[in-house]
C-alpha atoms as a PDB file:
ATOM      1  CA  UNK A   1    -130.233 109.297  93.789  1.00  0.00           C
ATOM      2  CA  UNK A   2    -126.942 107.669  94.810  1.00  0.00           C
ATOM      3  CA  UNK A   3    -126.227 106.406  98.329  1.00  0.00           C
ATOM      4  CA  UNK A   4    -124.003 109.338  99.168  1.00  0.00           C
ATOM      5  CA  UNK A   5    -126.695 111.833  98.219  1.00  0.00           C
ATOM      6  CA  UNK A   6    -129.359 109.946 100.185  1.00  0.00           C
ATOM      7  CA  UNK A   7    -127.163 109.801 103.297  1.00  0.00           C
ATOM      8  CA  UNK A   8    -126.414 113.514 103.086  1.00  0.00           C
ATOM      9  CA  UNK A   9    -130.111 114.373 102.813  1.00  0.00           C
ATOM     10  CA  UNK A  10    -131.023 112.108 105.713  1.00  0.00           C
ATOM     11  CA  UNK A  11    -128.350 113.471 108.042  1.00  0.00           C
ATOM     12  CA  UNK A  12    -129.168 117.063 107.206  1.00  0.00           C
ATOM     13  CA  UNK A  13    -132.891 116.515 107.727  1.00  0.00           C
ATOM     14  CA  UNK A  14    -132.293 114.889 111.116  1.00  0.00           C
ATOM     15  CA  UNK A  15    -130.196 117.848 112.197  1.00  0.00           C
ATOM     16  CA  UNK A  16    -132.955 120.255 111.256  1.00  0.00           C
ATOM     17  CA  UNK A  17    -135.516 118.101 113.086  1.00  0.00           C
ATOM     18  CA  UNK A  18    -133.384 118.456 116.206  1.00  0.00           C
ATOM     19  CA  UNK A  19    -133.614 122.234 115.872  1.00  0.00           C
ATOM     20  CA  UNK A  20    -137.412 121.875 115.849  1.00  0.00           C
ATOM     21  CA  UNK A  21    -137.507 121.506 119.624  1.00  0.00           C
ATOM     22  CA  UNK A  22    -136.983 125.270 119.879  1.00  0.00           C
ATOM     23  CA  UNK A  23    -140.126 127.329 120.627  1.00  0.00           C
ATOM     24  CA  UNK A  24    -142.397 128.061 117.681  1.00  0.00           C
ATOM     25  CA  UNK A  25    -141.545 131.738 117.736  1.00  0.00           C
ATOM     26  CA  UNK A  26    -137.789 131.089 117.482  1.00  0.00           C
ATOM     27  CA  UNK A  27    -136.156 132.598 114.421  1.00  0.00           C
ATOM     28  CA  UNK A  28    -134.429 130.399 111.869  1.00  0.00           C
ATOM     29  CA  UNK A  29    -130.799 130.230 113.047  1.00  0.00           C
ATOM     30  CA  UNK A  30    -127.921 131.638 111.061  1.00  0.00           C
ATOM     31  CA  UNK A  31    -126.444 128.200 110.469  1.00  0.00           C
ATOM     32  CA  UNK A  32    -129.619 127.202 108.606  1.00  0.00           C
ATOM     33  CA  UNK A  33    -127.991 128.139 105.324  1.00  0.00           C
ATOM     34  CA  UNK A  34    -127.263 125.000 103.373  1.00  0.00           C
ATOM     35  CA  UNK A  35    -127.079 126.875 100.123  1.00  0.00           C
ATOM     36  CA  UNK A  36    -130.088 128.358  98.415  1.00  0.00           C
ATOM     37  CA  UNK A  37    -133.633 129.280  99.342  1.00  0.00           C
ATOM     38  CA  UNK A  38    -135.731 129.638  96.217  1.00  0.00           C
ATOM     39  CA  UNK A  39    -139.178 130.010  97.818  1.00  0.00           C
ATOM     40  CA  UNK A  40    -141.028 131.123 100.915  1.00  0.00           C
ATOM     41  CA  UNK A  41    -144.376 129.411 101.454  1.00  0.00           C
ATOM     42  CA  UNK A  42    -147.493 130.877 103.061  1.00  0.00           C
ATOM     43  CA  UNK A  43    -149.996 128.565 104.734  1.00  0.00           C
ATOM     44  CA  UNK A  44    -149.825 125.400 106.803  1.00  0.00           C
ATOM     45  CA  UNK A  45    -151.896 122.736 108.550  1.00  0.00           C
ATOM     46  CA  UNK A  46    -155.387 123.484 109.844  1.00  0.00           C
ATOM     47  CA  UNK A  47    -156.726 120.715 112.085  1.00  0.00           C
ATOM     48  CA  UNK A  48    -160.388 120.293 112.897  1.00  0.00           C
ATOM     49  CA  UNK A  49    -161.784 117.735 115.366  1.00  0.00           C
ATOM     50  CA  UNK A  50    -165.355 116.447 115.245  1.00  0.00           C
ATOM     51  CA  UNK A  51    -167.150 114.453 117.939  1.00  0.00           C
ATOM     52  CA  UNK A  52    -168.443 111.193 116.475  1.00  0.00           C
ATOM     53  CA  UNK A  53    -171.963 110.179 117.509  1.00  0.00           C
ATOM     54  CA  UNK A  54    -174.392 111.720 119.974  1.00  0.00           C
ATOM     55  CA  UNK A  55    -173.075 114.408 122.311  1.00  0.00           C
ATOM     56  CA  UNK A  56    -175.940 114.061 124.827  1.00  0.00           C
ATOM     57  CA  UNK A  57    -175.296 112.176 128.042  1.00  0.00           C
ATOM     58  CA  UNK A  58    -176.906 111.543 131.417  1.00  0.00           C
ATOM     59  CA  UNK A  59    -175.604 112.808 134.732  1.00  0.00           C
ATOM     60  CA  UNK A  60    -173.608 110.136 136.499  1.00  0.00           C
ATOM     61  CA  UNK A  61    -172.333 108.656 133.208  1.00  0.00           C
ATOM     62  CA  UNK A  62    -168.738 107.786 132.402  1.00  0.00           C
ATOM     63  CA  UNK A  63    -168.427 108.039 128.622  1.00  0.00           C
ATOM     64  CA  UNK A  64    -165.830 107.687 125.877  1.00  0.00           C
ATOM     65  CA  UNK A  65    -165.612 110.609 123.456  1.00  0.00           C
ATOM     66  CA  UNK A  66    -164.460 109.629 119.956  1.00  0.00           C
ATOM     67  CA  UNK A  67    -162.894 112.537 118.078  1.00  0.00           C
ATOM     68  CA  UNK A  68    -162.280 112.386 114.348  1.00  0.00           C
ATOM     69  CA  UNK A  69    -159.615 114.740 112.986  1.00  0.00           C
ATOM     70  CA  UNK A  70    -159.230 116.258 109.551  1.00  0.00           C
ATOM     71  CA  UNK A  71    -156.463 118.432 108.163  1.00  0.00           C
ATOM     72  CA  UNK A  72    -158.010 121.271 106.157  1.00  0.00           C
ATOM     73  CA  UNK A  73    -154.700 123.062 105.726  1.00  0.00           C
ATOM     74  CA  UNK A  74    -153.772 124.774 102.489  1.00  0.00           C
ATOM     75  CA  UNK A  75    -150.954 126.709 100.904  1.00  0.00           C
ATOM     76  CA  UNK A  76    -152.162 130.229 100.252  1.00  0.00           C
ATOM     77  CA  UNK A  77    -149.170 131.326  98.204  1.00  0.00           C
ATOM     78  CA  UNK A  78    -145.481 131.183  97.306  1.00  0.00           C
ATOM     79  CA  UNK A  79    -142.933 133.942  97.258  1.00  0.00           C
ATOM     80  CA  UNK A  80    -139.916 133.576  95.003  1.00  0.00           C
ATOM     81  CA  UNK A  81    -136.725 134.339  96.903  1.00  0.00           C
ATOM     82  CA  UNK A  82    -134.284 133.480  94.105  1.00  0.00           C
ATOM     83  CA  UNK A  83    -134.727 132.784  90.411  1.00  0.00           C
ATOM     84  CA  UNK A  84    -132.837 129.975  88.758  1.00  0.00           C
ATOM     85  CA  UNK A  85    -130.405 131.172  86.126  1.00  0.00           C
ATOM     86  CA  UNK A  86    -131.387 130.222  82.589  1.00  0.00           C
ATOM     87  CA  UNK A  87    -129.235 127.387  81.342  1.00  0.00           C
ATOM     88  CA  UNK A  88    -128.039 126.537  84.836  1.00  0.00           C
ATOM     89  CA  UNK A  89    -129.374 123.012  85.141  1.00  0.00           C
ATOM     90  CA  UNK A  90    -128.174 122.702  88.723  1.00  0.00           C
ATOM     91  CA  UNK A  91    -130.209 125.735  89.770  1.00  0.00           C
ATOM     92  CA  UNK A  92    -133.256 124.576  87.845  1.00  0.00           C
ATOM     93  CA  UNK A  93    -133.154 121.083  89.361  1.00  0.00           C
ATOM     94  CA  UNK A  94    -132.683 122.466  92.875  1.00  0.00           C
ATOM     95  CA  UNK A  95    -135.525 124.926  92.356  1.00  0.00           C
ATOM     96  CA  UNK A  96    -137.879 122.132  91.267  1.00  0.00           C
ATOM     97  CA  UNK A  97    -136.763 119.984  94.189  1.00  0.00           C
ATOM     98  CA  UNK A  98    -137.438 122.735  96.721  1.00  0.00           C
ATOM     99  CA  UNK A  99    -140.905 123.310  95.278  1.00  0.00           C
ATOM    100  CA  UNK A 100    -141.745 119.637  95.889  1.00  0.00           C
ATOM    101  CA  UNK A 101    -140.558 119.834  99.474  1.00  0.00           C
ATOM    102  CA  UNK A 102    -142.300 123.157 100.139  1.00  0.00           C
ATOM    103  CA  UNK A 103    -145.613 121.566  99.115  1.00  0.00           C
ATOM    104  CA  UNK A 104    -145.411 119.447 102.291  1.00  0.00           C
ATOM    105  CA  UNK A 105    -145.809 122.517 104.507  1.00  0.00           C
ATOM    106  CA  UNK A 106    -149.454 121.618 105.171  1.00  0.00           C
ATOM    107  CA  UNK A 107    -148.651 118.290 106.874  1.00  0.00           C
ATOM    108  CA  UNK A 108    -149.171 118.178 110.668  1.00  0.00           C
ATOM    109  CA  UNK A 109    -146.457 115.984 112.178  1.00  0.00           C
ATOM    110  CA  UNK A 110    -146.670 114.227 115.566  1.00  0.00           C
ATOM    111  CA  UNK A 111    -150.108 115.451 116.652  1.00  0.00           C
ATOM    112  CA  UNK A 112    -150.683 115.420 120.419  1.00  0.00           C
ATOM    113  CA  UNK A 113    -154.294 115.971 121.545  1.00  0.00           C
ATOM    114  CA  UNK A 114    -155.132 117.181 125.065  1.00  0.00           C
ATOM    115  CA  UNK A 115    -158.720 117.537 126.314  1.00  0.00           C
ATOM    116  CA  UNK A 116    -159.470 119.729 129.352  1.00  0.00           C
ATOM    117  CA  UNK A 117    -162.525 120.695 131.389  1.00  0.00           C
ATOM    118  CA  UNK A 118    -162.867 123.802 133.545  1.00  0.00           C
ATOM    119  CA  UNK A 119    -166.032 122.523 135.244  1.00  0.00           C
ATOM    120  CA  UNK A 120    -165.508 120.429 138.408  1.00  0.00           C
ATOM    121  CA  UNK A 121    -168.570 118.315 137.566  1.00  0.00           C
ATOM    122  CA  UNK A 122    -167.030 117.212 134.254  1.00  0.00           C
ATOM    123  CA  UNK A 123    -163.716 115.381 134.626  1.00  0.00           C
ATOM    124  CA  UNK A 124    -161.478 114.255 131.762  1.00  0.00           C
ATOM    125  CA  UNK A 125    -159.875 111.032 132.965  1.00  0.00           C
ATOM    126  CA  UNK A 126    -157.560 110.548 129.945  1.00  0.00           C
ATOM    127  CA  UNK A 127    -154.212 112.241 129.529  1.00  0.00           C
ATOM    128  CA  UNK A 128    -152.747 113.570 126.244  1.00  0.00           C
ATOM    129  CA  UNK A 129    -153.353 111.250 123.287  1.00  0.00           C
ATOM    130  CA  UNK A 130    -151.057 110.760 120.291  1.00  0.00           C
ATOM    131  CA  UNK A 131    -152.864 111.212 116.980  1.00  0.00           C
ATOM    132  CA  UNK A 132    -150.050 110.591 114.496  1.00  0.00           C
ATOM    133  CA  UNK A 133    -149.312 112.603 111.353  1.00  0.00           C
ATOM    134  CA  UNK A 134    -151.998 114.024 109.093  1.00  0.00           C
ATOM    135  CA  UNK A 135    -151.490 115.233 105.545  1.00  0.00           C
ATOM    136  CA  UNK A 136    -153.530 117.916 103.835  1.00  0.00           C
ATOM    137  CA  UNK A 137    -157.104 116.817 103.077  1.00  0.00           C
ATOM    138  CA  UNK A 138    -156.787 113.591 105.069  1.00  0.00           C
ATOM    139  CA  UNK A 139    -158.848 112.303 107.992  1.00  0.00           C
ATOM    140  CA  UNK A 140    -157.499 110.313 110.906  1.00  0.00           C
ATOM    141  CA  UNK A 141    -157.547 106.561 110.306  1.00  0.00           C
ATOM    142  CA  UNK A 142    -159.058 105.942 113.754  1.00  0.00           C
ATOM    143  CA  UNK A 143    -160.700 108.255 116.297  1.00  0.00           C
ATOM    144  CA  UNK A 144    -158.810 109.779 119.197  1.00  0.00           C
ATOM    145  CA  UNK A 145    -160.488 108.614 122.423  1.00  0.00           C
ATOM    146  CA  UNK A 146    -160.986 110.402 125.741  1.00  0.00           C
ATOM    147  CA  UNK A 147    -162.777 109.104 128.841  1.00  0.00           C
ATOM    148  CA  UNK A 148    -165.005 111.695 130.531  1.00  0.00           C
ATOM    149  CA  UNK A 149    -166.745 111.340 133.898  1.00  0.00           C
ATOM    150  CA  UNK A 150    -169.960 113.298 134.503  1.00  0.00           C
ATOM    151  CA  UNK A 151    -170.858 113.849 138.150  1.00  0.00           C
ATOM    152  CA  UNK A 152    -174.323 112.805 139.310  1.00  0.00           C
ATOM    153  CA  UNK A 153    -174.723 116.360 140.662  1.00  0.00           C
ATOM    154  CA  UNK A 154    -174.192 117.976 137.252  1.00  0.00           C
ATOM    155  CA  UNK A 155    -177.065 120.284 136.245  1.00  0.00           C
ATOM    156  CA  UNK A 156    -178.500 119.798 132.776  1.00  0.00           C
ATOM    157  CA  UNK A 157    -176.910 122.019 130.143  1.00  0.00           C
ATOM    158  CA  UNK A 158    -174.134 122.374 127.575  1.00  0.00           C
ATOM    159  CA  UNK A 159    -170.543 122.066 128.782  1.00  0.00           C
ATOM    160  CA  UNK A 160    -167.589 123.208 126.639  1.00  0.00           C
ATOM    161  CA  UNK A 161    -164.388 121.167 126.724  1.00  0.00           C
ATOM    162  CA  UNK A 162    -161.095 122.623 125.494  1.00  0.00           C
ATOM    163  CA  UNK A 163    -159.146 120.583 122.946  1.00  0.00           C
ATOM    164  CA  UNK A 164    -155.495 121.508 122.343  1.00  0.00           C
ATOM    165  CA  UNK A 165    -153.875 120.041 119.226  1.00  0.00           C
ATOM    166  CA  UNK A 166    -150.096 120.415 119.278  1.00  0.00           C
ATOM    167  CA  UNK A 167    -147.919 119.407 116.344  1.00  0.00           C
ATOM    168  CA  UNK A 168    -144.939 120.341 114.200  1.00  0.00           C
ATOM    169  CA  UNK A 169    -145.079 121.608 110.659  1.00  0.00           C
ATOM    170  CA  UNK A 170    -142.545 122.361 107.969  1.00  0.00           C
ATOM    171  CA  UNK A 171    -141.719 126.065 108.070  1.00  0.00           C
ATOM    172  CA  UNK A 172    -138.906 126.390 105.550  1.00  0.00           C
ATOM    173  CA  UNK A 173    -136.799 124.351 103.131  1.00  0.00           C
ATOM    174  CA  UNK A 174    -133.387 125.016 101.650  1.00  0.00           C
ATOM    175  CA  UNK A 175    -131.590 122.943  99.059  1.00  0.00           C
ATOM    176  CA  UNK A 176    -128.045 122.795  97.799  1.00  0.00           C
ATOM    177  CA  UNK A 177    -125.700 120.677  95.711  1.00  0.00           C
ATOM    178  CA  UNK A 178    -122.629 120.637  93.496  1.00  0.00           C
ATOM    179  CA  UNK A 179    -123.077 119.935  89.812  1.00  0.00           C
ATOM    180  CA  UNK A 180    -125.756 118.577  87.537  1.00  0.00           C
ATOM    181  CA  UNK A 181    -124.911 115.073  86.326  1.00  0.00           C
ATOM    182  CA  UNK A 182    -126.363 114.751  82.826  1.00  0.00           C
ATOM    183  CA  UNK A 183    -125.886 110.990  82.900  1.00  0.00           C
ATOM    184  CA  UNK A 184    -128.082 110.403  85.946  1.00  0.00           C
ATOM    185  CA  UNK A 185    -130.152 113.575  85.631  1.00  0.00           C
ATOM    186  CA  UNK A 186    -129.393 114.367  89.287  1.00  0.00           C
ATOM    187  CA  UNK A 187    -127.515 116.997  91.227  1.00  0.00           C
ATOM    188  CA  UNK A 188    -124.449 115.540  92.907  1.00  0.00           C
ATOM    189  CA  UNK A 189    -124.005 115.906  96.675  1.00  0.00           C
ATOM    190  CA  UNK A 190    -127.534 117.221  97.003  1.00  0.00           C
ATOM    191  CA  UNK A 191    -128.470 118.664 100.398  1.00  0.00           C
ATOM    192  CA  UNK A 192    -131.934 119.343 101.816  1.00  0.00           C
ATOM    193  CA  UNK A 193    -132.478 121.289 105.023  1.00  0.00           C
ATOM    194  CA  UNK A 194    -135.969 121.287 106.578  1.00  0.00           C
ATOM    195  CA  UNK A 195    -136.894 123.619 109.438  1.00  0.00           C
ATOM    196  CA  UNK A 196    -139.864 122.570 111.602  1.00  0.00           C
ATOM    197  CA  UNK A 197    -141.767 124.769 114.017  1.00  0.00           C
ATOM    198  CA  UNK A 198    -144.197 123.922 116.819  1.00  0.00           C
ATOM    199  CA  UNK A 199    -147.812 124.995 116.711  1.00  0.00           C
ATOM    200  CA  UNK A 200    -150.882 124.510 118.914  1.00  0.00           C
ATOM    201  CA  UNK A 201    -154.459 124.890 117.731  1.00  0.00           C
ATOM    202  CA  UNK A 202    -157.273 125.175 120.259  1.00  0.00           C
ATOM    203  CA  UNK A 203    -160.929 124.431 119.677  1.00  0.00           C
ATOM    204  CA  UNK A 204    -164.044 123.738 121.740  1.00  0.00           C
ATOM    205  CA  UNK A 205    -165.853 120.401 121.957  1.00  0.00           C
ATOM    206  CA  UNK A 206    -169.340 120.694 123.461  1.00  0.00           C
ATOM    207  CA  UNK A 207    -171.111 117.944 125.375  1.00  0.00           C
ATOM    208  CA  UNK A 208    -174.648 118.167 126.723  1.00  0.00           C
ATOM    209  CA  UNK A 209    -176.085 116.794 129.954  1.00  0.00           C
ATOM    210  CA  UNK A 210    -179.702 115.952 129.172  1.00  0.00           C
ATOM    211  CA  UNK A 211    -182.851 117.238 130.847  1.00  0.00           C
ATOM    212  CA  UNK A 212    -184.382 114.169 132.477  1.00  0.00           C
ATOM    213  CA  UNK A 213    -185.853 112.903 135.747  1.00  0.00           C
ATOM    214  CA  UNK A 214    -183.302 112.101 138.417  1.00  0.00           C
ATOM    215  CA  UNK A 215    -184.067 110.376 141.690  1.00  0.00           C
ATOM    216  CA  UNK A 216    -182.553 110.509 145.141  1.00  0.00           C
ATOM    217  CA  UNK A 217    -183.425 108.887 148.464  1.00  0.00           C
ATOM    218  CA  UNK A 218    -184.054 111.667 150.975  1.00  0.00           C
ATOM    219  CA  UNK A 219    -185.270 109.684 153.997  1.00  0.00           C
ATOM    220  CA  UNK A 220    -185.357 106.092 155.280  1.00  0.00           C
ATOM    221  CA  UNK A 221    -187.307 104.905 158.339  1.00  0.00           C
ATOM    222  CA  UNK A 222    -188.273 101.535 159.798  1.00  0.00           C
ATOM    223  CA  UNK A 223    -187.053  99.191 162.538  1.00  0.00           C
ATOM    224  CA  UNK A 224    -185.588  95.936 161.246  1.00  0.00           C
ATOM    225  CA  UNK A 225    -184.671  93.141 163.677  1.00  0.00           C
ATOM    226  CA  UNK A 226    -183.020  89.749 163.137  1.00  0.00           C
ATOM    227  CA  UNK A 227    -185.563  86.967 162.569  1.00  0.00           C
ATOM    228  CA  UNK A 228    -188.368  89.534 162.529  1.00  0.00           C
ATOM    229  CA  UNK A 229    -187.830  92.123 159.837  1.00  0.00           C
ATOM    230  CA  UNK A 230    -190.315  94.947 159.628  1.00  0.00           C
ATOM    231  CA  UNK A 231    -191.623  97.695 157.384  1.00  0.00           C
ATOM    232  CA  UNK A 232    -189.095  99.846 155.529  1.00  0.00           C
ATOM    233  CA  UNK A 233    -190.262 103.304 154.416  1.00  0.00           C
ATOM    234  CA  UNK A 234    -188.172 105.029 151.727  1.00  0.00           C
ATOM    235  CA  UNK A 235    -188.762 108.576 150.456  1.00  0.00           C
ATOM    236  CA  UNK A 236    -187.817 109.171 146.801  1.00  0.00           C
ATOM    237  CA  UNK A 237    -187.477 112.676 145.337  1.00  0.00           C
ATOM    238  CA  UNK A 238    -187.303 113.702 141.678  1.00  0.00           C
ATOM    239  CA  UNK A 239    -184.395 116.173 141.639  1.00  0.00           C
ATOM    240  CA  UNK A 240    -184.217 116.273 137.828  1.00  0.00           C
ATOM    241  CA  UNK A 241    -185.711 118.655 135.265  1.00  0.00           C
ATOM    242  CA  UNK A 242    -188.385 116.420 133.686  1.00  0.00           C
ATOM    243  CA  UNK A 243    -191.530 114.656 134.935  1.00  0.00           C
ATOM    244  CA  UNK A 244    -191.532 110.895 135.511  1.00  0.00           C
ATOM    245  CA  UNK A 245    -194.937 109.342 134.773  1.00  0.00           C
ATOM    246  CA  UNK A 246    -196.313 106.106 136.272  1.00  0.00           C
ATOM    247  CA  UNK A 247    -193.180 105.559 138.316  1.00  0.00           C
ATOM    248  CA  UNK A 248    -192.698 102.226 140.077  1.00  0.00           C
ATOM    249  CA  UNK A 249    -189.755 101.426 142.326  1.00  0.00           C
ATOM    250  CA  UNK A 250    -188.279  97.966 142.796  1.00  0.00           C
ATOM    251  CA  UNK A 251    -185.913  97.030 145.609  1.00  0.00           C
ATOM    252  CA  UNK A 252    -183.307  94.282 145.271  1.00  0.00           C
ATOM    253  CA  UNK A 253    -183.132  92.334 148.522  1.00  0.00           C
ATOM    254  CA  UNK A 254    -179.724  90.848 149.275  1.00  0.00           C
ATOM    255  CA  UNK A 255    -178.500  88.814 152.243  1.00  0.00           C
ATOM    256  CA  UNK A 256    -179.543  89.119 155.078  1.00  0.00           C
ATOM    257  CA  UNK A 257    -182.769  90.589 153.647  1.00  0.00           C
ATOM    258  CA  UNK A 258    -185.577  88.945 151.712  1.00  0.00           C
ATOM    259  CA  UNK A 259    -189.035  90.042 150.651  1.00  0.00           C
ATOM    260  CA  UNK A 260    -192.036  89.062 148.597  1.00  0.00           C
ATOM    261  CA  UNK A 261    -193.046  92.721 148.470  1.00  0.00           C
ATOM    262  CA  UNK A 262    -190.252  94.206 146.343  1.00  0.00           C
ATOM    263  CA  UNK A 263    -192.218  96.825 144.357  1.00  0.00           C
ATOM    264  CA  UNK A 264    -194.084 100.013 145.224  1.00  0.00           C
ATOM    265  CA  UNK A 265    -196.034 102.418 143.024  1.00  0.00           C
ATOM    266  CA  UNK A 266    -194.925 106.056 143.188  1.00  0.00           C
ATOM    267  CA  UNK A 267    -197.191 107.544 140.529  1.00  0.00           C
ATOM    268  CA  UNK A 268    -196.269 110.712 138.629  1.00  0.00           C
ATOM    269  CA  UNK A 269    -193.326 112.646 140.040  1.00  0.00           C
ATOM    270  CA  UNK A 270    -192.826 116.178 138.770  1.00  0.00           C
ATOM    271  CA  UNK A 271    -189.499 117.951 139.352  1.00  0.00           C
ATOM    272  CA  UNK A 272    -189.186 118.492 143.106  1.00  0.00           C
ATOM    273  CA  UNK A 273    -191.925 115.976 144.018  1.00  0.00           C
ATOM    274  CA  UNK A 274    -191.376 113.283 146.672  1.00  0.00           C
ATOM    275  CA  UNK A 275    -193.187 110.017 147.372  1.00  0.00           C
ATOM    276  CA  UNK A 276    -192.828 107.337 150.057  1.00  0.00           C
ATOM    277  CA  UNK A 277    -192.449 103.668 149.130  1.00  0.00           C
ATOM    278  CA  UNK A 278    -193.164 100.965 151.747  1.00  0.00           C
ATOM    279  CA  UNK A 279    -191.498  97.539 151.666  1.00  0.00           C
ATOM    280  CA  UNK A 280    -192.232  94.604 153.983  1.00  0.00           C
ATOM    281  CA  UNK A 281    -188.759  93.203 154.647  1.00  0.00           C
ATOM    282  CA  UNK A 282    -187.741  89.917 156.272  1.00  0.00           C
ATOM    283  CA  UNK A 283    -184.398  89.688 158.065  1.00  0.00           C
ATOM    284  CA  UNK A 284    -182.446  86.468 158.578  1.00  0.00           C
ATOM    285  CA  UNK A 285    -182.120  85.317 162.189  1.00  0.00           C
ATOM    286  CA  UNK A 286    -178.315  85.252 161.864  1.00  0.00           C
ATOM    287  CA  UNK A 287    -178.102  88.847 160.620  1.00  0.00           C
ATOM    288  CA  UNK A 288    -175.383  90.931 162.257  1.00  0.00           C
ATOM    289  CA  UNK A 289    -176.695  94.202 163.695  1.00  0.00           C
ATOM    290  CA  UNK A 290    -175.022  96.916 161.586  1.00  0.00           C
ATOM    291  CA  UNK A 291    -175.705  99.341 158.692  1.00  0.00           C
ATOM    292  CA  UNK A 292    -176.586  97.828 155.311  1.00  0.00           C
ATOM    293  CA  UNK A 293    -177.162  99.151 151.804  1.00  0.00           C
ATOM    294  CA  UNK A 294    -179.913  97.979 149.469  1.00  0.00           C
ATOM    295  CA  UNK A 295    -180.213  98.707 145.755  1.00  0.00           C
ATOM    296  CA  UNK A 296    -183.321 100.000 144.044  1.00  0.00           C
ATOM    297  CA  UNK A 297    -184.319 101.306 140.622  1.00  0.00           C
ATOM    298  CA  UNK A 298    -187.285 103.234 139.295  1.00  0.00           C
ATOM    299  CA  UNK A 299    -189.211 102.389 136.129  1.00  0.00           C
ATOM    300  CA  UNK A 300    -191.063 105.307 134.555  1.00  0.00           C
ATOM    301  CA  UNK A 301    -192.361 106.884 131.358  1.00  0.00           C
ATOM    302  CA  UNK A 302    -190.514 109.968 130.109  1.00  0.00           C
ATOM    303  CA  UNK A 303    -191.965 113.102 128.488  1.00  0.00           C
ATOM    304  CA  UNK A 304    -191.723 111.464 125.042  1.00  0.00           C
ATOM    305  CA  UNK A 305    -193.738 108.430 126.148  1.00  0.00           C
ATOM    306  CA  UNK A 306    -190.716 106.107 126.240  1.00  0.00           C
ATOM    307  CA  UNK A 307    -190.168 103.591 129.030  1.00  0.00           C
ATOM    308  CA  UNK A 308    -187.037 104.343 131.029  1.00  0.00           C
ATOM    309  CA  UNK A 309    -185.119 102.844 133.941  1.00  0.00           C
ATOM    310  CA  UNK A 310    -183.210 104.970 136.420  1.00  0.00           C
ATOM    311  CA  UNK A 311    -179.673 104.395 137.582  1.00  0.00           C
ATOM    312  CA  UNK A 312    -179.282 102.277 140.708  1.00  0.00           C
ATOM    313  CA  UNK A 313    -180.430 104.190 143.791  1.00  0.00           C
ATOM    314  CA  UNK A 314    -178.935 103.127 147.123  1.00  0.00           C
ATOM    315  CA  UNK A 315    -181.042 102.720 150.281  1.00  0.00           C
ATOM    316  CA  UNK A 316    -179.027 102.962 153.485  1.00  0.00           C
ATOM    317  CA  UNK A 317    -180.693 101.150 156.374  1.00  0.00           C
ATOM    318  CA  UNK A 318    -179.736  99.244 159.530  1.00  0.00           C
ATOM    319  CA  UNK A 319    -180.422  95.957 161.289  1.00  0.00           C
ATOM    320  CA  UNK A 320    -180.965  96.628 164.993  1.00  0.00           C
ATOM    321  CA  UNK A 321    -180.027  94.526 167.985  1.00  0.00           C
ATOM    322  CA  UNK A 322    -182.448  91.662 168.624  1.00  0.00           C
ATOM    323  CA  UNK A 323    -185.181  92.445 171.143  1.00  0.00           C
ATOM    324  CA  UNK A 324    -184.393  91.307 174.706  1.00  0.00           C
ATOM    325  CA  UNK A 325    -186.098  88.068 175.808  1.00  0.00           C
ATOM    326  CA  UNK A 326    -185.956  85.957 179.009  1.00  0.00           C
ATOM    327  CA  UNK A 327    -183.236  83.253 179.028  1.00  0.00           C
ATOM    328  CA  UNK A 328    -184.263  79.625 179.590  1.00  0.00           C
ATOM    329  CA  UNK A 329    -183.638  79.460 183.350  1.00  0.00           C
ATOM    330  CA  UNK A 330    -185.265  82.794 184.071  1.00  0.00           C
ATOM    331  CA  UNK A 331    -188.164  81.888 181.818  1.00  0.00           C
ATOM    332  CA  UNK A 332    -188.713  78.602 183.672  1.00  0.00           C
ATOM    333  CA  UNK A 333    -188.545  80.355 187.029  1.00  0.00           C
ATOM    334  CA  UNK A 334    -191.037  82.918 185.831  1.00  0.00           C
ATOM    335  CA  UNK A 335    -193.480  80.251 184.680  1.00  0.00           C
ATOM    336  CA  UNK A 336    -193.162  78.402 187.996  1.00  0.00           C
ATOM    337  CA  UNK A 337    -193.767  81.600 189.938  1.00  0.00           C
ATOM    338  CA  UNK A 338    -196.869  82.378 187.904  1.00  0.00           C
ATOM    339  CA  UNK A 339    -198.180  78.843 188.419  1.00  0.00           C
ATOM    340  CA  UNK A 340    -197.628  78.995 192.206  1.00  0.00           C
ATOM    341  CA  UNK A 341    -199.273  82.384 192.408  1.00  0.00           C
ATOM    342  CA  UNK A 342    -202.281  81.059 190.529  1.00  0.00           C
ATOM    343  CA  UNK A 343    -202.567  78.057 192.853  1.00  0.00           C
ATOM    344  CA  UNK A 344    -202.295  80.296 195.915  1.00  0.00           C
ATOM    345  CA  UNK A 345    -205.114  82.538 194.694  1.00  0.00           C
ATOM    346  CA  UNK A 346    -207.347  79.563 193.906  1.00  0.00           C
ATOM    347  CA  UNK A 347    -206.607  78.043 197.327  1.00  0.00           C
ATOM    348  CA  UNK A 348    -207.598  81.252 199.147  1.00  0.00           C
ATOM    349  CA  UNK A 349    -210.816  81.553 197.188  1.00  0.00           C
ATOM    350  CA  UNK A 350    -211.714  77.960 198.014  1.00  0.00           C
ATOM    351  CA  UNK A 351    -210.965  78.502 201.699  1.00  0.00           C
ATOM    352  CA  UNK A 352    -213.116  81.609 201.799  1.00  0.00           C
ATOM    353  CA  UNK A 353    -215.993  79.690 200.306  1.00  0.00           C
END
């Protein structure tokens, strides 16, 4: 194809691409009439997204969903709009050219993927993701990624997410030209007009929040003083759907706390069961009286006999004001008074004798 022909095709195609911003239901405009329309094509892209890997997650997780896309589109048929005249090489060449272009009607161009959740416990943190162009029968070269946050209060179950796949596809092609050049075997001043329309496909992607034990701190008691410490009593409750066997809790003591008693046995906790763990905590003498937060985690055996570790469970406690004691001067005065009183009593007893 000569330079002039190539430029004409490029310019015409760009003009038609500009028209593609019209809504998908817009009719082909009257000025889309380059010359001849030999065929109408039936069919188009058909995108399908598949979640890669396991779709089961734990409450409280923030996960990345990897979606693989495939274009299963197909052309279901052609309708001849105009037959090429026998012996008219220009018509025959243009007809063949249009057929080649019409075969591209199954390509999804400029795919934009948007994932949405209608459940307040499941939040999609990623915005729309570009997924490129996908030809018929092809899979995406790399997965489209979405970050999803699952609330710790999410009940176990299956949660549908809505995936919108928006793209453009080739709706119609027209070709035109002047004369057939027998020397080059090409049609001179060839024109190609391509009309694109917008389309959105919607499908459901399911994720599952697993049945499993889940632990919460429901009560904390104990008086902790600087330079003294004390016993800390923490009530743990299994608010999940599965039983936790042989559960043991371990507390992580951070400044100003320390302990040599950082573990407590909870036993078997069925759904709804609670158990109290006791920890002997030491508190630094320079600790500031205020609220503090300690971290703990529970080790247990699940219903399948596998060892598991819970998420970090926070313990909210407080260091109290130091107990009042006599200052140095008052203490000395008190000791002197006691000593004098003792001497006075002994003196009276001796005198009476």
